[in-house]
Amino acid sequence: MNSARRAFMARSAAACAAAALPWGPSWAQAPSPFNPQVNDWRSFDVTTDVEVPASEETTRLWLPLSSVNSDWQRPGEVQIDSNGRVESLTDPVYGARMVMASFAPAAEPSRLRVTERVQVRNRRMDWSKPNGAKLSAEEHAFWTQPTQLLPTDGIVRETALRAVGGAATDVAKARAIYEWVIANAFRDQAVKGCGPGDIRGMLESGNLGGKCADINALFVGLCRAVGVAARDLYGLRLAPSAFGYKQLSGKSENLSGAQHCRAEVFISRFGWVAMDPADVTKVMRAETPEWLRLPTGPVVEPVYKALFGAWEGNWMAYNDAHDVVLPDGDGKALGFLMYPNGRVGSEMLDAYQPKSFRYHISAEAVSA
């Protein structure tokens, strides 16, 4: 472990207790704290356009739809236009909704356009107001179970136990794991898309570099391994950050590479609580020309503090699904469903390459 990471681990407890430092619309401009207060709803029409070249083989497309209905997100009307046969489907385990379009061999391109209305807003846990929330034994078992990408035994559990140390409560365990992930994982700009999310592979290799589907999956898997209910939510950044962070923003006119997953943990008496250690590491690595190695200082610390319990409402969630088998797909389970997926004949299209796959995602703010 390098000296910067050792220094952070020594300082992490103090950093948690520190007051939020000022932050502004630009990291060199006037201060304003990053503090996502719960506010009015914002509405967006999110459009995904896909066009696959004409083929002599059958073409199929699968697009995720917003499936999360909560106190911070409301799915709305869906409009579909296609020259193929379209079905609306739901994953039987997690309830993830999707549109599937099938196209017979033809001389014309396969086209699918899906526009969905979604309302989102900021989210922030008020730790002074417990609400008595509890999970049933069945729910707790479901949200602590292992998945293909989130094993909870072996090196994952060993690492989780070291990370939590003597922490006894779910909130203390979640805090310890949040700090451990930020201290030890890092954003690797070379990783394709949002990353594969293979946390056992990360830990066994000792390479904890990745992107959101890696780093937040590591957080969720470590939580589950010590009995803390946790889940990933897979979604899309819709708009610029109101707090000025370029790395926490989406360019509404082109969101084809704006996929981002976040995390939640269930804290007794408070319910599901927002988390996003991956975005802390993203700000550390890429918000400024210098790689900021510690979560302290006016750029990183406000995000480090806020993203344990808060999200900014410029993002939508598609679903919290793992191990998704696409209907009429190749039979292999996807680790997660966050991107458009397609298949021509027996060949799956590369979801991480929107230009070669030929899809485009955009969002338009609307009044509703």
Protein backbone atom coordinates (compact mmCIF):
# COMPACT_ATOMS: atom_id res chain seq x y z
CA MET A 1 0.00 0.00 0.00
CA ASN A 2 1.44 3.38 -0.94
CA SER A 3 2.08 6.14 1.60
CA ALA A 4 -0.86 8.25 0.43
CA ARG A 5 -3.30 5.40 1.06
CA ARG A 6 -1.76 4.64 4.46
CA ALA A 7 -2.08 8.32 5.36
CA PHE A 8 -5.70 8.32 4.36
CA MET A 9 -6.54 5.25 6.44
CA ALA A 10 -4.98 6.93 9.45
CA ARG A 11 -7.01 10.08 8.86
CA SER A 12 -10.32 8.61 7.72
CA ALA A 13 -12.06 8.79 11.10
CA ALA A 14 -11.11 12.42 11.49
CA ALA A 15 -12.25 13.20 7.97
CA CYS A 16 -15.70 11.75 8.70
CA ALA A 17 -16.18 14.06 11.61
CA ALA A 18 -14.84 17.16 9.91
CA ALA A 19 -17.15 19.95 8.90
CA ALA A 20 -17.92 20.22 5.19
CA LEU A 21 -15.54 22.51 3.40
CA PRO A 22 -16.84 25.11 0.95
CA TRP A 23 -17.55 24.20 -2.63
CA GLY A 24 -18.58 26.23 -5.61
CA PRO A 25 -19.88 26.04 -9.15
CA SER A 26 -16.26 25.60 -10.21
CA TRP A 27 -13.49 24.23 -8.01
CA ALA A 28 -11.70 27.58 -8.28
CA GLN A 29 -14.74 29.83 -7.80
CA ALA A 30 -16.99 31.12 -5.03
CA PRO A 31 -17.96 28.64 -2.29
CA SER A 32 -21.29 26.90 -1.80
CA PRO A 33 -21.58 23.59 0.09
CA PHE A 34 -22.38 20.35 -1.73
CA ASN A 35 -25.52 19.41 0.18
CA PRO A 36 -28.28 17.83 -1.91
CA GLN A 37 -31.39 18.99 -0.08
CA VAL A 38 -34.61 17.19 -0.97
CA ASN A 39 -36.33 19.53 -3.40
CA ASP A 40 -38.95 19.74 -6.12
CA TRP A 41 -39.29 17.01 -8.69
CA ARG A 42 -37.61 17.38 -12.09
CA SER A 43 -39.09 15.73 -15.18
CA PHE A 44 -37.20 14.39 -18.17
CA ASP A 45 -38.09 12.63 -21.39
CA VAL A 46 -35.33 10.11 -21.95
CA THR A 47 -35.02 8.83 -25.53
CA THR A 48 -32.99 5.89 -26.78
CA ASP A 49 -32.65 5.56 -30.56
CA VAL A 50 -31.21 2.38 -32.07
CA GLU A 51 -30.59 1.57 -35.70
CA VAL A 52 -28.92 -1.71 -36.66
CA PRO A 53 -27.88 -2.20 -40.30
CA ALA A 54 -29.96 -4.51 -42.50
CA SER A 55 -29.12 -8.16 -41.99
CA GLU A 56 -29.96 -11.52 -43.49
CA GLU A 57 -30.25 -12.84 -39.95
CA THR A 58 -32.76 -12.20 -37.17
CA THR A 59 -32.02 -9.11 -35.07
CA ARG A 60 -33.15 -8.57 -31.48
CA LEU A 61 -32.81 -5.53 -29.24
CA TRP A 62 -33.36 -5.14 -25.50
CA LEU A 63 -33.57 -1.70 -23.83
CA PRO A 64 -33.90 -1.21 -20.06
CA LEU A 65 -36.77 0.90 -18.75
CA SER A 66 -37.07 2.81 -15.51
CA SER A 67 -38.34 0.25 -12.98
CA VAL A 68 -37.81 2.05 -9.66
CA ASN A 69 -40.79 3.84 -8.09
CA SER A 70 -39.79 5.53 -4.85
CA ASP A 71 -39.77 8.76 -2.89
CA TRP A 72 -36.95 10.00 -5.16
CA GLN A 73 -38.03 8.62 -8.56
CA ARG A 74 -41.31 8.20 -10.43
CA PRO A 75 -41.45 6.35 -13.76
CA GLY A 76 -43.97 7.70 -16.26
CA GLU A 77 -45.37 7.14 -19.73
CA VAL A 78 -43.40 5.10 -22.27
CA GLN A 79 -43.65 5.69 -26.02
CA ILE A 80 -42.26 3.15 -28.50
CA ASP A 81 -41.73 3.41 -32.24
CA SER A 82 -40.22 0.55 -34.23
CA ASN A 83 -40.36 -1.32 -37.50
CA GLY A 84 -40.08 -4.61 -35.62
CA ARG A 85 -42.26 -6.66 -33.29
CA VAL A 86 -42.12 -5.06 -29.84
CA GLU A 87 -42.82 -6.56 -26.40
CA SER A 88 -42.68 -5.05 -22.92
CA LEU A 89 -41.18 -7.56 -20.49
CA THR A 90 -40.33 -7.78 -16.79
CA ASP A 91 -37.56 -9.78 -15.14
CA PRO A 92 -39.31 -12.25 -12.80
CA VAL A 93 -36.77 -11.97 -9.97
CA TYR A 94 -36.02 -8.24 -9.63
CA GLY A 95 -38.88 -6.70 -11.56
CA ALA A 96 -36.57 -4.99 -14.05
CA ARG A 97 -38.62 -3.73 -16.98
CA MET A 98 -37.37 -3.77 -20.54
CA VAL A 99 -38.49 -3.40 -24.15
CA MET A 100 -37.60 -6.22 -26.55
CA ALA A 101 -37.86 -5.72 -30.31
CA SER A 102 -37.49 -8.55 -32.82
CA PHE A 103 -36.73 -8.07 -36.51
CA ALA A 104 -36.95 -10.70 -39.23
CA PRO A 105 -34.20 -10.78 -41.87
CA ALA A 106 -34.82 -7.75 -44.07
CA ALA A 107 -33.31 -5.36 -46.57
CA GLU A 108 -33.90 -2.34 -44.33
CA PRO A 109 -32.23 -1.39 -41.04
CA SER A 110 -33.82 -2.45 -37.73
CA ARG A 111 -35.05 0.61 -35.89
CA LEU A 112 -36.26 1.14 -32.33
CA ARG A 113 -37.00 4.37 -30.50
CA VAL A 114 -38.10 4.37 -26.85
CA THR A 115 -38.99 7.56 -24.98
CA GLU A 116 -39.90 7.41 -21.32
CA ARG A 117 -40.92 10.15 -18.93
CA VAL A 118 -39.21 10.01 -15.55
CA GLN A 119 -39.31 12.31 -12.53
CA VAL A 120 -36.34 12.50 -10.18
CA ARG A 121 -35.25 14.61 -7.24
CA ASN A 122 -32.39 15.02 -4.80
CA ARG A 123 -32.13 12.54 -1.99
CA ARG A 124 -30.59 13.05 1.44
CA MET A 125 -30.88 11.04 4.66
CA ASP A 126 -31.81 13.06 7.72
CA TRP A 127 -29.98 11.13 10.41
CA SER A 128 -31.84 13.06 13.12
CA LYS A 129 -35.16 11.50 12.08
CA PRO A 130 -35.25 7.71 12.34
CA ASN A 131 -38.42 6.24 10.87
CA GLY A 132 -38.43 2.77 12.41
CA ALA A 133 -37.88 0.99 9.08
CA LYS A 134 -37.20 -2.74 9.18
CA LEU A 135 -36.56 -5.50 6.68
CA SER A 136 -38.35 -8.81 6.98
CA ALA A 137 -36.18 -11.91 7.36
CA GLU A 138 -37.03 -12.84 3.76
CA GLU A 139 -36.09 -9.38 2.45
CA HIS A 140 -32.86 -9.38 4.42
CA ALA A 141 -31.92 -12.78 3.02
CA PHE A 142 -32.63 -11.59 -0.53
CA TRP A 143 -30.51 -8.44 -0.27
CA THR A 144 -27.56 -10.21 1.36
CA GLN A 145 -27.47 -13.20 -1.01
CA PRO A 146 -24.52 -13.77 -3.35
CA THR A 147 -24.87 -13.20 -7.08
CA GLN A 148 -22.67 -14.01 -10.06
CA LEU A 149 -20.70 -10.77 -9.58
CA LEU A 150 -21.21 -10.41 -5.82
CA PRO A 151 -19.91 -13.52 -4.06
CA THR A 152 -19.97 -13.24 -0.29
CA ASP A 153 -17.54 -16.00 0.70
CA GLY A 154 -13.80 -16.55 0.49
CA ILE A 155 -11.68 -13.48 -0.12
CA VAL A 156 -14.75 -11.22 -0.24
CA ARG A 157 -15.84 -12.13 3.28
CA GLU A 158 -12.25 -12.11 4.58
CA THR A 159 -11.79 -8.60 3.20
CA ALA A 160 -15.12 -7.42 4.58
CA LEU A 161 -14.29 -8.67 8.06
CA ARG A 162 -10.97 -6.84 8.01
CA ALA A 163 -12.65 -3.68 6.74
CA VAL A 164 -15.33 -3.55 9.45
CA GLY A 165 -13.01 -4.47 12.31
CA GLY A 166 -14.97 -4.21 15.54
CA ALA A 167 -17.97 -2.39 14.05
CA ALA A 168 -21.16 -3.90 15.49
CA THR A 169 -24.08 -2.02 13.96
CA ASP A 170 -25.17 -1.94 10.32
CA VAL A 171 -24.48 1.80 10.03
CA ALA A 172 -21.00 1.40 11.54
CA LYS A 173 -20.23 -1.50 9.21
CA ALA A 174 -21.48 0.44 6.18
CA ARG A 175 -19.38 3.46 7.18
CA ALA A 176 -16.27 1.33 7.66
CA ILE A 177 -16.71 -0.36 4.28
CA TYR A 178 -17.41 2.98 2.55
CA GLU A 179 -14.14 4.34 3.95
CA TRP A 180 -12.23 1.15 3.11
CA VAL A 181 -13.40 1.17 -0.50
CA ILE A 182 -12.47 4.83 -1.00
CA ALA A 183 -9.08 4.27 0.63
CA ASN A 184 -8.19 1.16 -1.37
CA ALA A 185 -10.09 1.24 -4.69
CA PHE A 186 -9.47 3.83 -7.37
CA ARG A 187 -10.95 4.91 -10.67
CA ASP A 188 -9.13 3.43 -13.63
CA GLN A 189 -9.83 5.60 -16.66
CA ALA A 190 -8.78 2.82 -19.05
CA VAL A 191 -11.56 0.43 -17.97
CA LYS A 192 -14.18 -0.08 -20.66
CA GLY A 193 -17.66 1.34 -20.01
CA CYS A 194 -18.69 1.10 -16.37
CA GLY A 195 -16.52 -1.98 -15.83
CA PRO A 196 -17.39 -5.68 -15.51
CA GLY A 197 -18.11 -5.64 -11.76
CA ASP A 198 -16.11 -8.80 -10.97
CA ILE A 199 -15.26 -8.13 -7.34
CA ARG A 200 -13.68 -11.52 -6.59
CA GLY A 201 -11.34 -11.02 -9.54
CA MET A 202 -10.46 -7.55 -8.30
CA LEU A 203 -9.60 -8.77 -4.81
CA GLU A 204 -7.72 -11.88 -5.93
CA SER A 205 -5.61 -9.89 -8.38
CA GLY A 206 -4.99 -7.07 -5.92
CA ASN A 207 -5.95 -4.58 -8.64
CA LEU A 208 -8.80 -2.51 -7.19
CA GLY A 209 -8.93 -0.11 -10.11
CA GLY A 210 -12.21 0.14 -11.97
CA LYS A 211 -15.27 2.23 -12.65
CA CYS A 212 -18.69 2.51 -11.02
CA ALA A 213 -19.88 -1.05 -11.71
CA ASP A 214 -16.65 -2.29 -10.13
CA ILE A 215 -16.25 0.07 -7.19
CA ASN A 216 -19.87 0.26 -6.07
CA ALA A 217 -20.21 -3.50 -6.58
CA LEU A 218 -17.21 -3.93 -4.29
CA PHE A 219 -18.97 -1.80 -1.68
CA VAL A 220 -22.23 -3.76 -2.01
CA GLY A 221 -20.53 -7.16 -1.99
CA LEU A 222 -18.49 -6.36 1.11
CA CYS A 223 -21.62 -5.13 2.88
CA ARG A 224 -23.52 -8.30 2.02
CA ALA A 225 -20.60 -10.45 3.16
CA VAL A 226 -20.98 -9.13 6.73
CA GLY A 227 -24.77 -9.28 6.79
CA VAL A 228 -25.62 -5.70 5.80
CA ALA A 229 -28.39 -5.59 3.19
CA ALA A 230 -27.16 -3.66 0.16
CA ARG A 231 -27.85 -3.32 -3.55
CA ASP A 232 -26.62 -1.68 -6.72
CA LEU A 233 -28.94 0.52 -8.76
CA TYR A 234 -28.08 0.79 -12.43
CA GLY A 235 -28.98 3.96 -14.27
CA LEU A 236 -28.09 7.04 -16.25
CA ARG A 237 -26.91 10.58 -15.56
CA LEU A 238 -29.43 12.98 -17.10
CA ALA A 239 -28.15 16.53 -16.63
CA PRO A 240 -25.26 18.66 -15.38
CA SER A 241 -24.54 18.74 -11.67
CA ALA A 242 -26.07 21.76 -9.94
CA PHE A 243 -22.96 21.79 -7.73
CA GLY A 244 -20.55 22.34 -10.60
CA TYR A 245 -18.82 18.96 -10.69
CA LYS A 246 -18.12 18.04 -14.30
CA GLN A 247 -17.47 14.41 -13.35
CA LEU A 248 -20.91 14.13 -11.71
CA SER A 249 -22.75 15.48 -14.75
CA GLY A 250 -24.50 14.21 -17.83
CA LYS A 251 -24.68 16.09 -21.13
CA SER A 252 -28.39 15.86 -21.85
CA GLU A 253 -27.97 15.97 -25.63
CA ASN A 254 -25.72 12.87 -25.64
CA LEU A 255 -26.01 10.36 -22.80
CA SER A 256 -24.84 7.30 -24.71
CA GLY A 257 -21.85 6.99 -22.38
CA ALA A 258 -23.50 8.45 -19.25
CA GLN A 259 -24.46 5.16 -17.60
CA HIS A 260 -23.75 5.16 -13.87
CA CYS A 261 -24.63 2.81 -11.04
CA ARG A 262 -25.17 3.85 -7.45
CA ALA A 263 -25.60 1.87 -4.25
CA GLU A 264 -27.94 1.63 -1.29
CA VAL A 265 -27.63 0.01 2.13
CA PHE A 266 -30.47 -0.78 4.49
CA ILE A 267 -29.91 0.84 7.88
CA SER A 268 -32.22 -0.26 10.68
CA ARG A 269 -34.65 2.49 11.75
CA PHE A 270 -33.76 4.56 8.66
CA GLY A 271 -34.47 2.32 5.67
CA TRP A 272 -32.63 2.31 2.35
CA VAL A 273 -29.86 4.90 2.38
CA ALA A 274 -28.08 6.38 -0.65
CA MET A 275 -24.37 5.63 -1.16
CA ASP A 276 -21.88 6.28 -3.94
CA PRO A 277 -18.22 5.63 -3.11
CA ALA A 278 -17.49 5.23 -6.84
CA ASP A 279 -18.31 8.87 -7.50
CA VAL A 280 -15.97 9.93 -4.70
CA THR A 281 -13.14 8.07 -6.43
CA LYS A 282 -14.20 9.61 -9.76
CA VAL A 283 -13.89 13.14 -8.36
CA MET A 284 -10.55 12.23 -6.78
CA ARG A 285 -9.16 10.90 -10.05
CA ALA A 286 -10.62 13.15 -12.74
CA GLU A 287 -12.25 16.35 -11.45
CA THR A 288 -8.98 18.29 -11.52
CA PRO A 289 -5.79 17.84 -13.57
CA GLU A 290 -4.10 16.46 -10.45
CA TRP A 291 -5.08 13.02 -9.11
CA LEU A 292 -6.28 13.86 -5.59
CA ARG A 293 -5.15 10.91 -3.50
CA LEU A 294 -6.97 11.75 -0.27
CA PRO A 295 -10.68 12.58 0.28
CA THR A 296 -9.80 15.87 1.93
CA GLY A 297 -9.66 19.44 0.71
CA PRO A 298 -12.27 21.69 -0.89
CA VAL A 299 -12.81 19.57 -4.02
CA VAL A 300 -13.25 16.04 -2.65
CA GLU A 301 -14.30 16.34 0.98
CA PRO A 302 -17.80 17.75 0.35
CA VAL A 303 -18.55 14.83 -1.99
CA TYR A 304 -16.93 12.30 0.35
CA LYS A 305 -19.17 13.45 3.18
CA ALA A 306 -22.36 13.88 1.15
CA LEU A 307 -22.35 10.60 -0.78
CA PHE A 308 -22.66 8.62 2.43
CA GLY A 309 -26.40 9.27 2.64
CA ALA A 310 -27.22 11.50 -0.34
CA TRP A 311 -27.52 11.64 -4.13
CA GLU A 312 -28.03 14.51 -6.50
CA GLY A 313 -31.25 14.20 -8.51
CA ASN A 314 -29.67 14.53 -11.96
CA TRP A 315 -29.70 10.73 -12.38
CA MET A 316 -32.32 8.05 -13.02
CA ALA A 317 -32.28 4.40 -11.97
CA TYR A 318 -33.27 1.68 -14.39
CA ASN A 319 -33.27 -1.23 -11.93
CA ASP A 320 -31.45 -3.10 -9.16
CA ALA A 321 -31.25 -6.40 -11.05
CA HIS A 322 -28.42 -8.93 -11.17
CA ASP A 323 -27.93 -12.08 -13.23
CA VAL A 324 -30.48 -11.04 -15.85
CA VAL A 325 -31.21 -13.54 -18.62
CA LEU A 326 -32.49 -11.70 -21.69
CA PRO A 327 -35.60 -13.33 -23.21
CA ASP A 328 -34.64 -14.94 -26.53
CA GLY A 329 -31.04 -13.93 -25.89
CA ASP A 330 -27.99 -16.19 -25.88
CA GLY A 331 -28.97 -17.79 -22.58
CA LYS A 332 -26.10 -16.23 -20.63
CA ALA A 333 -26.92 -14.16 -17.58
CA LEU A 334 -25.89 -10.50 -17.65
CA GLY A 335 -24.29 -9.29 -14.45
CA PHE A 336 -26.51 -6.20 -14.71
CA LEU A 337 -28.91 -4.49 -17.12
CA MET A 338 -27.85 -0.87 -17.63
CA TYR A 339 -27.07 -0.63 -21.35
CA PRO A 340 -28.94 -1.30 -24.57
CA ASN A 341 -28.31 -4.87 -25.67
CA GLY A 342 -28.57 -6.35 -29.14
CA ARG A 343 -27.99 -9.52 -31.09
CA VAL A 344 -27.70 -10.15 -34.84
CA GLY A 345 -27.95 -13.85 -35.56
CA SER A 346 -25.76 -15.47 -32.90
CA GLU A 347 -23.53 -12.43 -32.35
CA MET A 348 -24.18 -10.14 -29.39
CA LEU A 349 -23.50 -6.46 -30.10
CA ASP A 350 -21.04 -4.59 -27.89
CA ALA A 351 -23.17 -2.53 -25.49
CA TYR A 352 -20.13 -0.46 -24.49
CA GLN A 353 -19.64 0.83 -28.06
CA PRO A 354 -22.65 3.03 -28.90
CA LYS A 355 -21.17 4.21 -32.20
CA SER A 356 -20.60 0.74 -33.62
CA PHE A 357 -23.79 -0.60 -31.99
CA ARG A 358 -25.44 2.54 -33.40
CA TYR A 359 -27.49 3.76 -30.48
CA HIS A 360 -27.96 7.26 -29.09
CA ILE A 361 -29.46 8.32 -25.75
CA SER A 362 -30.60 11.84 -24.88
CA ALA A 363 -32.76 13.56 -22.26
CA GLU A 364 -34.96 16.62 -22.45
CA ALA A 365 -36.10 18.52 -19.36
CA VAL A 366 -39.85 19.03 -19.44
CA SER A 367 -42.42 20.74 -17.24
CA ALA A 368 -44.84 18.30 -15.63
